[in-house]
Amino acid sequence: MNINFSKFSNGLVPAVIQDSMTKNVLMLGYMNEAAYQETLASKKVTFFSRSKQRLWVKGEESGNTLDLVSISIDCDSDALLIQAEPNGPVCHEGFDTCWKEKNTSNFGFLTFLENVIQDRKDNKDQVNSYTALLFRKGINKIAQKLGEEAVEVVIESKDDDDLAFLNESADLMFHFLVLLQAKGFRLQNVEKTLSSRHKYDRDVT
């Protein structure tokens, strides 16, 4: 990709940073040619800091770096779109994005449910919460429940009761989300794994 940095004021091209998985816009920075080349070489998104007047690796102090996935330029060659994987909050104020938004996947209700499960995990002592009880009992119990629900889905799939099949599928999905968080993951991590398989092995899907 050929970029004519000389056409921009002070040789700085605006670079929009987008999460490669959620597709949410994380921040806006500026790159000169040296920052662009360093980003390509290190695979860590690097900007030219106008305040510091030097190259600046995003997260060089906080550790919240951006792992490069891809770079593209818009149709008028006026701006860069950089897709990256963030290693923590992007905003210096501690927010996921510089617009103070949550960087969550567009799974609709599943995203909401994941956040509820996270709350139950963080507050295991909620005596009236089935989810909190699962977390208190530990990963072996959670895994056992997931296995039981998987068997129920298989059984219901062999019958013609669509409502029972969907209910058991919902139970399976719920317990899968609980197990994911018990292991320290969310749906976004599974999506990332599936995406990497599709990228490198076209026969997987």
Protein backbone atom coordinates (compact mmCIF):
# COMPACT_ATOMS: atom_id res chain seq x y z
CA MET A 1 0.00 0.00 0.00
CA ASN A 2 1.54 3.29 -1.13
CA ILE A 3 0.78 6.31 1.01
CA ASN A 4 1.86 9.80 -0.01
CA PHE A 5 2.58 11.27 3.42
CA SER A 6 3.85 14.50 1.86
CA LYS A 7 0.30 15.48 0.86
CA PHE A 8 -0.74 15.78 4.50
CA SER A 9 -0.09 18.71 6.82
CA ASN A 10 3.23 18.07 8.61
CA GLY A 11 3.24 14.65 6.96
CA LEU A 12 0.66 13.38 9.44
CA VAL A 13 -2.21 11.17 8.26
CA PRO A 14 -5.24 10.60 10.54
CA ALA A 15 -5.56 6.97 11.63
CA VAL A 16 -8.87 5.62 12.87
CA ILE A 17 -8.39 2.63 15.19
CA GLN A 18 -11.07 -0.07 15.07
CA ASP A 19 -11.32 -3.23 17.16
CA SER A 20 -10.87 -6.06 14.68
CA MET A 21 -13.43 -8.24 16.46
CA THR A 22 -16.16 -5.93 17.78
CA LYS A 23 -15.73 -3.41 14.93
CA ASN A 24 -16.10 -0.59 17.44
CA VAL A 25 -14.07 2.57 16.86
CA LEU A 26 -11.55 2.89 19.69
CA MET A 27 -9.60 6.09 19.07
CA LEU A 28 -8.11 8.50 16.55
CA GLY A 29 -4.39 9.06 16.20
CA TYR A 30 -1.91 10.42 13.68
CA MET A 31 0.88 8.67 11.82
CA ASN A 32 3.82 9.94 9.87
CA GLU A 33 5.77 7.64 7.60
CA ALA A 34 8.12 6.55 10.39
CA ALA A 35 5.18 5.63 12.66
CA TYR A 36 3.55 3.73 9.83
CA GLN A 37 6.71 1.73 9.11
CA GLU A 38 7.29 1.04 12.81
CA THR A 39 3.71 -0.23 13.13
CA LEU A 40 4.25 -2.62 10.24
CA ALA A 41 7.57 -3.83 11.63
CA SER A 42 6.62 -4.23 15.29
CA LYS A 43 2.95 -5.16 14.84
CA LYS A 44 2.24 -2.70 17.65
CA VAL A 45 0.23 0.37 16.62
CA THR A 46 2.57 3.35 16.76
CA PHE A 47 1.66 7.01 16.32
CA PHE A 48 3.48 10.29 16.00
CA SER A 49 2.69 12.23 19.16
CA ARG A 50 2.06 15.87 18.34
CA SER A 51 2.50 16.88 21.99
CA LYS A 52 5.70 14.90 22.56
CA GLN A 53 6.98 15.40 19.00
CA ARG A 54 8.19 11.82 18.73
CA LEU A 55 7.04 8.33 17.85
CA TRP A 56 4.69 6.94 20.46
CA VAL A 57 3.78 3.27 20.84
CA LYS A 58 0.20 3.16 22.10
CA GLY A 59 0.32 1.72 25.62
CA GLU A 60 4.06 2.09 26.06
CA GLU A 61 3.48 3.27 29.64
CA SER A 62 0.15 1.67 30.58
CA GLY A 63 0.76 -1.66 28.84
CA ASN A 64 -2.56 -1.26 27.00
CA THR A 65 -1.04 -1.76 23.58
CA LEU A 66 -2.81 -2.31 20.26
CA ASP A 67 -1.82 -5.42 18.28
CA LEU A 68 -1.95 -4.71 14.56
CA VAL A 69 -4.32 -6.80 12.46
CA SER A 70 -4.61 -4.79 9.23
CA ILE A 71 -4.20 -1.34 7.69
CA SER A 72 -6.23 0.10 4.83
CA ILE A 73 -6.60 3.54 3.30
CA ASP A 74 -9.85 5.19 2.32
CA CYS A 75 -11.01 5.78 -1.25
CA ASP A 76 -9.65 9.34 -1.36
CA SER A 77 -6.34 8.38 0.30
CA ASP A 78 -7.12 10.81 3.11
CA ALA A 79 -7.21 8.54 6.18
CA LEU A 80 -6.09 5.18 7.46
CA LEU A 81 -8.31 2.52 9.00
CA ILE A 82 -6.30 0.36 11.37
CA GLN A 83 -7.89 -2.79 12.73
CA ALA A 84 -6.25 -3.93 15.95
CA GLU A 85 -6.68 -6.08 19.03
CA PRO A 86 -6.62 -3.94 22.19
CA ASN A 87 -4.79 -5.18 25.28
CA GLY A 88 -6.88 -3.34 27.81
CA PRO A 89 -8.70 0.02 27.88
CA VAL A 90 -7.67 2.37 25.09
CA CYS A 91 -8.57 5.73 26.63
CA HIS A 92 -6.01 7.25 29.03
CA GLU A 93 -8.91 7.84 31.44
CA GLY A 94 -9.49 4.10 31.71
CA PHE A 95 -12.42 3.74 29.33
CA ASP A 96 -12.60 1.09 26.61
CA THR A 97 -12.74 3.78 23.92
CA CYS A 98 -11.90 7.47 23.73
CA TRP A 99 -15.64 8.12 23.50
CA LYS A 100 -16.19 6.48 26.90
CA GLU A 101 -18.13 3.60 25.34
CA LYS A 102 -18.05 -0.09 26.20
CA ASN A 103 -16.13 -2.13 23.65
CA THR A 104 -18.50 -5.07 23.44
CA SER A 105 -19.49 -7.34 20.57
CA ASN A 106 -22.82 -6.73 18.91
CA PHE A 107 -24.46 -9.88 20.24
CA GLY A 108 -27.53 -8.00 21.52
CA PHE A 109 -29.08 -9.78 24.49
CA LEU A 110 -26.14 -12.17 24.78
CA THR A 111 -23.88 -9.22 25.55
CA PHE A 112 -26.33 -8.09 28.24
CA LEU A 113 -26.45 -11.62 29.65
CA GLU A 114 -22.65 -11.85 29.72
CA ASN A 115 -22.56 -8.65 31.76
CA VAL A 116 -25.12 -10.08 34.22
CA ILE A 117 -23.05 -13.25 34.56
CA GLN A 118 -19.95 -11.14 35.15
CA ASP A 119 -21.77 -9.32 37.95
CA ARG A 120 -22.74 -12.63 39.56
CA LYS A 121 -19.16 -13.83 39.28
CA ASP A 122 -17.91 -10.66 40.96
CA ASN A 123 -20.57 -10.97 43.67
CA LYS A 124 -20.65 -14.69 44.44
CA ASP A 125 -22.29 -14.17 47.83
CA GLN A 126 -25.70 -13.30 46.33
CA VAL A 127 -27.69 -16.04 48.08
CA ASN A 128 -30.73 -15.85 45.80
CA SER A 129 -28.76 -16.10 42.56
CA TYR A 130 -28.45 -19.46 40.81
CA THR A 131 -25.53 -18.11 38.77
CA ALA A 132 -23.67 -16.92 41.85
CA LEU A 133 -24.27 -20.35 43.39
CA LEU A 134 -22.65 -22.00 40.38
CA PHE A 135 -19.58 -19.80 40.77
CA ARG A 136 -19.42 -20.63 44.48
CA LYS A 137 -19.50 -24.35 43.72
CA GLY A 138 -16.62 -24.00 41.29
CA ILE A 139 -15.65 -24.99 37.80
CA ASN A 140 -16.23 -28.73 38.22
CA LYS A 141 -19.91 -28.15 39.00
CA ILE A 142 -20.25 -25.66 36.14
CA ALA A 143 -18.66 -28.09 33.69
CA GLN A 144 -20.91 -30.88 34.95
CA LYS A 145 -24.02 -28.76 34.38
CA LEU A 146 -22.86 -27.87 30.88
CA GLY A 147 -22.42 -31.55 30.09
CA GLU A 148 -25.89 -32.36 31.40
CA GLU A 149 -27.45 -29.62 29.30
CA ALA A 150 -25.58 -30.79 26.21
CA VAL A 151 -27.06 -34.26 26.64
CA GLU A 152 -30.53 -32.75 27.02
CA VAL A 153 -30.10 -30.83 23.75
CA VAL A 154 -29.09 -34.02 21.94
CA ILE A 155 -32.11 -35.87 23.35
CA GLU A 156 -34.56 -33.12 22.40
CA SER A 157 -33.09 -32.80 18.91
CA LYS A 158 -34.30 -36.31 18.16
CA ASP A 159 -37.92 -35.41 18.96
CA ASP A 160 -40.38 -33.04 17.29
CA ASP A 161 -40.95 -30.73 20.24
CA ASP A 162 -39.40 -27.48 18.95
CA LEU A 163 -40.15 -25.54 22.13
CA ALA A 164 -38.41 -28.13 24.31
CA PHE A 165 -35.44 -28.15 21.96
CA LEU A 166 -35.13 -24.35 22.10
CA ASN A 167 -35.47 -24.30 25.88
CA GLU A 168 -32.74 -26.88 26.30
CA SER A 169 -30.58 -24.99 23.80
CA ALA A 170 -31.05 -21.83 25.86
CA ASP A 171 -30.00 -23.73 28.99
CA LEU A 172 -26.93 -25.01 27.17
CA MET A 173 -25.96 -21.54 25.96
CA PHE A 174 -26.41 -20.06 29.43
CA HIS A 175 -24.22 -22.65 31.13
CA PHE A 176 -21.64 -22.30 28.34
CA LEU A 177 -21.45 -18.55 29.01
CA VAL A 178 -20.99 -19.26 32.73
CA LEU A 179 -18.20 -21.74 32.01
CA LEU A 180 -16.51 -19.27 29.67
CA GLN A 181 -16.37 -16.65 32.40
CA ALA A 182 -15.27 -19.20 34.99
CA LYS A 183 -12.28 -19.78 32.68
CA GLY A 184 -11.74 -16.04 32.22
CA PHE A 185 -13.18 -15.72 28.72
CA ARG A 186 -16.19 -14.28 26.89
CA LEU A 187 -17.94 -14.91 23.58
CA GLN A 188 -15.57 -12.46 21.92
CA ASN A 189 -12.68 -14.87 22.55
CA VAL A 190 -14.57 -17.73 20.91
CA GLU A 191 -15.44 -15.49 17.98
CA LYS A 192 -11.78 -14.57 17.61
CA THR A 193 -10.79 -18.25 17.54
CA LEU A 194 -13.42 -19.08 14.93
CA SER A 195 -12.34 -16.10 12.85
CA SER A 196 -8.69 -17.19 12.92
CA ARG A 197 -9.66 -20.67 11.74
CA HIS A 198 -11.69 -19.26 8.88
CA LYS A 199 -8.83 -16.97 7.90
CA TYR A 200 -6.16 -19.64 7.72
CA ASP A 201 -8.20 -22.70 6.79
CA ARG A 202 -10.94 -21.98 4.29
CA ASP A 203 -12.27 -25.55 4.56
CA VAL A 204 -13.10 -25.21 8.26
CA THR A 205 -16.50 -23.72 7.49
